[in-house]
Amino acid sequence: MASVTASDNLALVRKQVDETAIESGRDPDAVTVVVVSKARSVEEIRELYDAGHRDFGENRAQELTEKQPRLPEDIRWHFVGPLQRNKVRHVRPIVKLLHSMDRASLASAWVKGPGTAPPALLEINIGREEQKAGVSPESARDEAAGMIDLGVDLQGVMAIPPNVDEPLHYFEELVAIRDALASEWPQMKEVSAGMTQDYVLAVKAGATIVRPGRAIFDRH
């Protein structure tokens, strides 16, 4: 019996995302699957690229800058982890989207440099956990306003919910925050939420971007 490949797993993830979107009355094409490729080899990423996938996520600046030159130029890189200001100059020229815009000092650093900075998502500490990055749900509007005033192209929100059995309500709260922000800034359409263990629930709640990793690379 042939072993299951990462491409097989990706096809299954995409099928689950599409079915959940349809069940929720949404267009499956409106949900982007970002394959989180941290700690994965260039060869593993290339397998998925050759299968037609283009959106990949990294969470360490050094790893991203090492992989990017060794892979095709039309990959759409997403930065999904915490970003230090002194690493902005390495990440900014490469990525399509920064998912973890979490403070004013990072916003200031992000808009500096040549050309137009890539868009970003406002990271929300949706579980109000002290150990996690992100702005509080209560301060999201004011934080977004400040970042937009600095020149950041905010296009939505991102969150990592607490590690609980039923995170659906956290995803629903995140979508509600996005809706409130979009009423003031219509470009804020994206909701990046859901990883290997909960991406189906995130799509059910209204996520437009999911970030699975192990669901694709781990052999089942």
C-alpha atoms as a PDB file:
ATOM      1  CA  MET A   1       0.000   0.000   0.000  1.00  0.00           C
ATOM      2  CA  ALA A   2       1.409   3.380  -1.001  1.00  0.00           C
ATOM      3  CA  SER A   3       2.218   5.793   1.817  1.00  0.00           C
ATOM      4  CA  VAL A   4       0.196   8.975   2.208  1.00  0.00           C
ATOM      5  CA  THR A   5       2.063  12.007   0.897  1.00  0.00           C
ATOM      6  CA  ALA A   6       1.929  15.628   1.986  1.00  0.00           C
ATOM      7  CA  SER A   7       0.149  16.374  -1.281  1.00  0.00           C
ATOM      8  CA  ASP A   8      -2.518  13.810  -0.366  1.00  0.00           C
ATOM      9  CA  ASN A   9      -2.936  15.430   3.033  1.00  0.00           C
ATOM     10  CA  LEU A  10      -3.180  18.898   1.494  1.00  0.00           C
ATOM     11  CA  ALA A  11      -5.897  17.688  -0.870  1.00  0.00           C
ATOM     12  CA  LEU A  12      -7.833  16.324   2.115  1.00  0.00           C
ATOM     13  CA  VAL A  13      -7.458  19.593   4.041  1.00  0.00           C
ATOM     14  CA  ARG A  14      -8.637  21.557   1.023  1.00  0.00           C
ATOM     15  CA  LYS A  15     -11.623  19.228   0.619  1.00  0.00           C
ATOM     16  CA  GLN A  16     -12.611  19.704   4.274  1.00  0.00           C
ATOM     17  CA  VAL A  17     -12.225  23.478   3.985  1.00  0.00           C
ATOM     18  CA  ASP A  18     -14.332  23.584   0.824  1.00  0.00           C
ATOM     19  CA  GLU A  19     -17.091  21.394   2.276  1.00  0.00           C
ATOM     20  CA  THR A  20     -17.245  23.410   5.491  1.00  0.00           C
ATOM     21  CA  ALA A  21     -17.383  26.687   3.588  1.00  0.00           C
ATOM     22  CA  ILE A  22     -20.247  25.414   1.428  1.00  0.00           C
ATOM     23  CA  GLU A  23     -22.133  24.143   4.486  1.00  0.00           C
ATOM     24  CA  SER A  24     -21.724  27.610   5.989  1.00  0.00           C
ATOM     25  CA  GLY A  25     -23.109  29.276   2.852  1.00  0.00           C
ATOM     26  CA  ARG A  26     -19.749  30.653   1.759  1.00  0.00           C
ATOM     27  CA  ASP A  27     -17.655  30.476  -1.398  1.00  0.00           C
ATOM     28  CA  PRO A  28     -14.826  27.948  -0.898  1.00  0.00           C
ATOM     29  CA  ASP A  29     -12.552  30.099  -3.051  1.00  0.00           C
ATOM     30  CA  ALA A  30     -12.844  32.810  -0.397  1.00  0.00           C
ATOM     31  CA  VAL A  31     -10.823  30.680   2.058  1.00  0.00           C
ATOM     32  CA  THR A  32      -7.040  30.565   1.629  1.00  0.00           C
ATOM     33  CA  VAL A  33      -5.066  27.620   2.999  1.00  0.00           C
ATOM     34  CA  VAL A  34      -1.637  28.813   4.167  1.00  0.00           C
ATOM     35  CA  VAL A  35       0.587  25.780   4.688  1.00  0.00           C
ATOM     36  CA  VAL A  36       2.747  26.473   7.739  1.00  0.00           C
ATOM     37  CA  SER A  37       6.128  25.172   6.662  1.00  0.00           C
ATOM     38  CA  LYS A  38       8.253  26.060   9.692  1.00  0.00           C
ATOM     39  CA  ALA A  39      10.950  23.439  10.373  1.00  0.00           C
ATOM     40  CA  ARG A  40      10.139  21.770   7.043  1.00  0.00           C
ATOM     41  CA  SER A  41      12.719  21.283   4.331  1.00  0.00           C
ATOM     42  CA  VAL A  42      12.906  23.029   0.985  1.00  0.00           C
ATOM     43  CA  GLU A  43      12.228  19.639  -0.596  1.00  0.00           C
ATOM     44  CA  GLU A  44       9.005  19.176   1.393  1.00  0.00           C
ATOM     45  CA  ILE A  45       7.806  22.635   0.384  1.00  0.00           C
ATOM     46  CA  ARG A  46       8.768  21.973  -3.218  1.00  0.00           C
ATOM     47  CA  GLU A  47       6.601  18.838  -3.292  1.00  0.00           C
ATOM     48  CA  LEU A  48       3.537  20.916  -2.448  1.00  0.00           C
ATOM     49  CA  TYR A  49       4.576  23.654  -4.856  1.00  0.00           C
ATOM     50  CA  ASP A  50       4.817  21.072  -7.635  1.00  0.00           C
ATOM     51  CA  ALA A  51       1.302  19.934  -6.701  1.00  0.00           C
ATOM     52  CA  GLY A  52       0.088  23.488  -7.369  1.00  0.00           C
ATOM     53  CA  HIS A  53       0.152  25.105  -3.930  1.00  0.00           C
ATOM     54  CA  ARG A  54       1.529  28.633  -3.540  1.00  0.00           C
ATOM     55  CA  ASP A  55       0.750  29.991  -0.029  1.00  0.00           C
ATOM     56  CA  PHE A  56       3.247  29.072   2.689  1.00  0.00           C
ATOM     57  CA  GLY A  57       3.754  30.433   6.201  1.00  0.00           C
ATOM     58  CA  GLU A  58       6.931  30.815   8.240  1.00  0.00           C
ATOM     59  CA  ASN A  59       7.373  32.073  11.789  1.00  0.00           C
ATOM     60  CA  ARG A  60      11.119  32.721  12.026  1.00  0.00           C
ATOM     61  CA  ALA A  61      12.873  35.420  10.031  1.00  0.00           C
ATOM     62  CA  GLN A  62      16.131  33.497   9.632  1.00  0.00           C
ATOM     63  CA  GLU A  63      14.395  30.365   8.386  1.00  0.00           C
ATOM     64  CA  LEU A  64      12.336  32.360   5.917  1.00  0.00           C
ATOM     65  CA  THR A  65      15.349  34.171   4.483  1.00  0.00           C
ATOM     66  CA  GLU A  66      17.258  30.893   4.122  1.00  0.00           C
ATOM     67  CA  LYS A  67      14.446  29.083   2.295  1.00  0.00           C
ATOM     68  CA  GLN A  68      13.103  31.820   0.062  1.00  0.00           C
ATOM     69  CA  PRO A  69      16.062  32.072  -2.376  1.00  0.00           C
ATOM     70  CA  ARG A  70      16.017  28.295  -2.879  1.00  0.00           C
ATOM     71  CA  LEU A  71      12.385  28.116  -3.969  1.00  0.00           C
ATOM     72  CA  PRO A  72      10.357  29.534  -6.893  1.00  0.00           C
ATOM     73  CA  GLU A  73       9.748  33.249  -6.943  1.00  0.00           C
ATOM     74  CA  ASP A  74       5.968  32.965  -7.290  1.00  0.00           C
ATOM     75  CA  ILE A  75       5.492  31.428  -3.833  1.00  0.00           C
ATOM     76  CA  ARG A  76       3.334  33.703  -1.679  1.00  0.00           C
ATOM     77  CA  TRP A  77       5.081  33.846   1.685  1.00  0.00           C
ATOM     78  CA  HIS A  78       3.160  34.659   4.858  1.00  0.00           C
ATOM     79  CA  PHE A  79       4.860  35.546   8.140  1.00  0.00           C
ATOM     80  CA  VAL A  80       2.773  34.054  10.928  1.00  0.00           C
ATOM     81  CA  GLY A  81       4.963  34.318  14.042  1.00  0.00           C
ATOM     82  CA  PRO A  82       6.120  37.041  16.415  1.00  0.00           C
ATOM     83  CA  LEU A  83       8.352  39.553  14.680  1.00  0.00           C
ATOM     84  CA  GLN A  84      11.094  41.590  16.311  1.00  0.00           C
ATOM     85  CA  ARG A  85      11.640  45.088  14.973  1.00  0.00           C
ATOM     86  CA  ASN A  86      15.278  44.358  14.109  1.00  0.00           C
ATOM     87  CA  LYS A  87      14.105  41.506  11.844  1.00  0.00           C
ATOM     88  CA  VAL A  88      11.629  43.612   9.858  1.00  0.00           C
ATOM     89  CA  ARG A  89      14.191  44.508   7.192  1.00  0.00           C
ATOM     90  CA  HIS A  90      14.675  40.807   6.421  1.00  0.00           C
ATOM     91  CA  VAL A  91      10.993  39.820   6.359  1.00  0.00           C
ATOM     92  CA  ARG A  92       9.400  42.868   4.736  1.00  0.00           C
ATOM     93  CA  PRO A  93      10.866  42.425   1.222  1.00  0.00           C
ATOM     94  CA  ILE A  94       9.787  38.778   1.031  1.00  0.00           C
ATOM     95  CA  VAL A  95       6.289  38.374   2.409  1.00  0.00           C
ATOM     96  CA  LYS A  96       2.886  38.881   0.864  1.00  0.00           C
ATOM     97  CA  LEU A  97       1.194  39.291   4.251  1.00  0.00           C
ATOM     98  CA  LEU A  98       2.269  39.777   7.876  1.00  0.00           C
ATOM     99  CA  HIS A  99      -0.210  38.002  10.147  1.00  0.00           C
ATOM    100  CA  SER A 100       1.224  39.168  13.479  1.00  0.00           C
ATOM    101  CA  MET A 101       1.024  42.971  13.653  1.00  0.00           C
ATOM    102  CA  ASP A 102       0.674  43.274  17.409  1.00  0.00           C
ATOM    103  CA  ARG A 103       2.036  46.624  18.608  1.00  0.00           C
ATOM    104  CA  ALA A 104       2.604  50.222  17.581  1.00  0.00           C
ATOM    105  CA  SER A 105       6.411  49.941  17.640  1.00  0.00           C
ATOM    106  CA  LEU A 106       6.277  47.099  15.101  1.00  0.00           C
ATOM    107  CA  ALA A 107       3.874  49.135  12.977  1.00  0.00           C
ATOM    108  CA  SER A 108       6.342  52.032  12.925  1.00  0.00           C
ATOM    109  CA  ALA A 109       9.182  49.748  11.873  1.00  0.00           C
ATOM    110  CA  TRP A 110       7.039  47.984   9.263  1.00  0.00           C
ATOM    111  CA  VAL A 111       6.235  51.136   7.284  1.00  0.00           C
ATOM    112  CA  LYS A 112       9.867  52.275   7.112  1.00  0.00           C
ATOM    113  CA  GLY A 113      12.075  51.388   4.180  1.00  0.00           C
ATOM    114  CA  PRO A 114      11.855  51.552   0.397  1.00  0.00           C
ATOM    115  CA  GLY A 115       8.604  51.075  -1.439  1.00  0.00           C
ATOM    116  CA  THR A 116       5.223  50.197  -0.024  1.00  0.00           C
ATOM    117  CA  ALA A 117       5.134  47.820   2.918  1.00  0.00           C
ATOM    118  CA  PRO A 118       3.148  44.599   2.427  1.00  0.00           C
ATOM    119  CA  PRO A 119      -0.267  44.455   4.108  1.00  0.00           C
ATOM    120  CA  ALA A 120      -0.706  43.130   7.612  1.00  0.00           C
ATOM    121  CA  LEU A 121      -3.282  41.634   9.944  1.00  0.00           C
ATOM    122  CA  LEU A 122      -3.933  42.923  13.452  1.00  0.00           C
ATOM    123  CA  GLU A 123      -3.132  40.158  15.934  1.00  0.00           C
ATOM    124  CA  ILE A 124      -5.817  39.852  18.610  1.00  0.00           C
ATOM    125  CA  ASN A 125      -5.142  38.155  21.957  1.00  0.00           C
ATOM    126  CA  ILE A 126      -8.577  36.601  21.721  1.00  0.00           C
ATOM    127  CA  GLY A 127      -8.231  34.547  24.909  1.00  0.00           C
ATOM    128  CA  ARG A 128      -6.819  37.466  26.885  1.00  0.00           C
ATOM    129  CA  GLU A 129      -3.843  35.286  27.872  1.00  0.00           C
ATOM    130  CA  GLU A 130      -0.932  37.048  29.557  1.00  0.00           C
ATOM    131  CA  GLN A 131       1.708  34.902  27.864  1.00  0.00           C
ATOM    132  CA  LYS A 132       0.470  35.565  24.335  1.00  0.00           C
ATOM    133  CA  ALA A 133       1.115  38.465  22.006  1.00  0.00           C
ATOM    134  CA  GLY A 134      -1.639  40.510  20.428  1.00  0.00           C
ATOM    135  CA  VAL A 135      -3.828  43.447  21.317  1.00  0.00           C
ATOM    136  CA  SER A 136      -6.819  42.958  23.576  1.00  0.00           C
ATOM    137  CA  PRO A 137     -10.242  42.614  21.948  1.00  0.00           C
ATOM    138  CA  GLU A 138     -11.310  45.740  23.823  1.00  0.00           C
ATOM    139  CA  SER A 139      -8.459  47.845  22.404  1.00  0.00           C
ATOM    140  CA  ALA A 140      -8.622  46.472  18.844  1.00  0.00           C
ATOM    141  CA  ARG A 141     -10.349  49.503  17.368  1.00  0.00           C
ATOM    142  CA  ASP A 142      -7.949  52.052  18.863  1.00  0.00           C
ATOM    143  CA  GLU A 143      -4.885  49.949  18.036  1.00  0.00           C
ATOM    144  CA  ALA A 144      -6.066  49.527  14.449  1.00  0.00           C
ATOM    145  CA  ALA A 145      -6.681  53.257  14.102  1.00  0.00           C
ATOM    146  CA  GLY A 146      -3.186  54.064  15.344  1.00  0.00           C
ATOM    147  CA  MET A 147      -1.526  51.589  12.992  1.00  0.00           C
ATOM    148  CA  ILE A 148      -3.536  52.778   9.999  1.00  0.00           C
ATOM    149  CA  ASP A 149      -2.594  56.375  10.844  1.00  0.00           C
ATOM    150  CA  LEU A 150       1.066  55.288  10.739  1.00  0.00           C
ATOM    151  CA  GLY A 151       0.518  53.976   7.213  1.00  0.00           C
ATOM    152  CA  VAL A 152       0.049  50.242   7.805  1.00  0.00           C
ATOM    153  CA  ASP A 153      -2.228  48.566   5.263  1.00  0.00           C
ATOM    154  CA  LEU A 154      -4.307  46.556   7.738  1.00  0.00           C
ATOM    155  CA  GLN A 155      -6.478  44.038   5.914  1.00  0.00           C
ATOM    156  CA  GLY A 156      -8.007  42.099   8.772  1.00  0.00           C
ATOM    157  CA  VAL A 157      -7.324  40.237  11.996  1.00  0.00           C
ATOM    158  CA  MET A 158      -5.496  37.143  13.228  1.00  0.00           C
ATOM    159  CA  ALA A 159      -5.617  35.131  16.433  1.00  0.00           C
ATOM    160  CA  ILE A 160      -4.447  31.944  18.110  1.00  0.00           C
ATOM    161  CA  PRO A 161      -7.179  30.850  20.533  1.00  0.00           C
ATOM    162  CA  PRO A 162      -6.514  29.199  23.890  1.00  0.00           C
ATOM    163  CA  ASN A 163      -5.837  25.469  23.800  1.00  0.00           C
ATOM    164  CA  VAL A 164      -9.333  24.277  24.673  1.00  0.00           C
ATOM    165  CA  ASP A 165     -11.577  21.507  23.398  1.00  0.00           C
ATOM    166  CA  GLU A 166     -14.185  23.895  21.989  1.00  0.00           C
ATOM    167  CA  PRO A 167     -12.594  27.055  20.564  1.00  0.00           C
ATOM    168  CA  LEU A 168     -15.525  27.908  18.264  1.00  0.00           C
ATOM    169  CA  HIS A 169     -16.703  30.851  20.367  1.00  0.00           C
ATOM    170  CA  TYR A 170     -13.242  32.410  20.214  1.00  0.00           C
ATOM    171  CA  PHE A 171     -13.327  32.240  16.424  1.00  0.00           C
ATOM    172  CA  GLU A 172     -16.812  33.723  16.397  1.00  0.00           C
ATOM    173  CA  GLU A 173     -15.640  36.593  18.614  1.00  0.00           C
ATOM    174  CA  LEU A 174     -12.707  37.204  16.268  1.00  0.00           C
ATOM    175  CA  VAL A 175     -15.059  37.369  13.283  1.00  0.00           C
ATOM    176  CA  ALA A 176     -17.248  39.821  15.191  1.00  0.00           C
ATOM    177  CA  ILE A 177     -14.206  42.019  15.856  1.00  0.00           C
ATOM    178  CA  ARG A 178     -13.363  41.903  12.147  1.00  0.00           C
ATOM    179  CA  ASP A 179     -16.936  42.887  11.284  1.00  0.00           C
ATOM    180  CA  ALA A 180     -16.789  45.866  13.638  1.00  0.00           C
ATOM    181  CA  LEU A 181     -13.460  47.031  12.230  1.00  0.00           C
ATOM    182  CA  ALA A 182     -14.621  46.526   8.637  1.00  0.00           C
ATOM    183  CA  SER A 183     -17.599  48.789   9.270  1.00  0.00           C
ATOM    184  CA  GLU A 184     -15.068  51.592   9.735  1.00  0.00           C
ATOM    185  CA  TRP A 185     -12.292  50.360   7.443  1.00  0.00           C
ATOM    186  CA  PRO A 186     -13.840  48.285   4.620  1.00  0.00           C
ATOM    187  CA  GLN A 187     -10.481  46.857   3.525  1.00  0.00           C
ATOM    188  CA  MET A 188     -10.302  44.818   6.752  1.00  0.00           C
ATOM    189  CA  LYS A 189     -11.898  41.688   5.313  1.00  0.00           C
ATOM    190  CA  GLU A 190      -9.539  38.895   6.367  1.00  0.00           C
ATOM    191  CA  VAL A 191      -9.795  36.586   9.376  1.00  0.00           C
ATOM    192  CA  SER A 192      -6.692  34.408   9.839  1.00  0.00           C
ATOM    193  CA  ALA A 193      -7.582  31.670  12.314  1.00  0.00           C
ATOM    194  CA  GLY A 194      -7.381  27.933  12.717  1.00  0.00           C
ATOM    195  CA  MET A 195      -4.453  25.550  12.669  1.00  0.00           C
ATOM    196  CA  THR A 196      -4.143  21.775  12.365  1.00  0.00           C
ATOM    197  CA  GLN A 197      -6.368  20.974  15.332  1.00  0.00           C
ATOM    198  CA  ASP A 198      -9.157  23.460  14.663  1.00  0.00           C
ATOM    199  CA  TYR A 199      -9.124  24.794  11.098  1.00  0.00           C
ATOM    200  CA  VAL A 200     -12.529  23.276  10.294  1.00  0.00           C
ATOM    201  CA  LEU A 201     -14.112  25.110  13.236  1.00  0.00           C
ATOM    202  CA  ALA A 202     -12.415  28.323  12.143  1.00  0.00           C
ATOM    203  CA  VAL A 203     -13.908  28.044   8.658  1.00  0.00           C
ATOM    204  CA  LYS A 204     -17.299  27.296  10.195  1.00  0.00           C
ATOM    205  CA  ALA A 205     -17.037  30.537  12.189  1.00  0.00           C
ATOM    206  CA  GLY A 206     -16.052  32.581   9.142  1.00  0.00           C
ATOM    207  CA  ALA A 207     -12.260  32.466   8.814  1.00  0.00           C
ATOM    208  CA  THR A 208     -10.913  33.511   5.415  1.00  0.00           C
ATOM    209  CA  ILE A 209      -7.393  32.156   6.028  1.00  0.00           C
ATOM    210  CA  VAL A 210      -6.431  28.932   7.820  1.00  0.00           C
ATOM    211  CA  ARG A 211      -2.896  27.901   8.815  1.00  0.00           C
ATOM    212  CA  PRO A 212      -2.481  24.110   9.036  1.00  0.00           C
ATOM    213  CA  GLY A 213       0.966  22.548   9.236  1.00  0.00           C
ATOM    214  CA  ARG A 214       1.113  19.137  10.887  1.00  0.00           C
ATOM    215  CA  ALA A 215      -2.167  18.122   9.193  1.00  0.00           C
ATOM    216  CA  ILE A 216      -0.293  18.292   5.906  1.00  0.00           C
ATOM    217  CA  PHE A 217       3.263  17.257   6.643  1.00  0.00           C
ATOM    218  CA  ASP A 218       2.713  14.496   9.203  1.00  0.00           C
ATOM    219  CA  ARG A 219       2.217  11.050   7.703  1.00  0.00           C
ATOM    220  CA  HIS A 220      -1.023   9.404   8.839  1.00  0.00           C
END
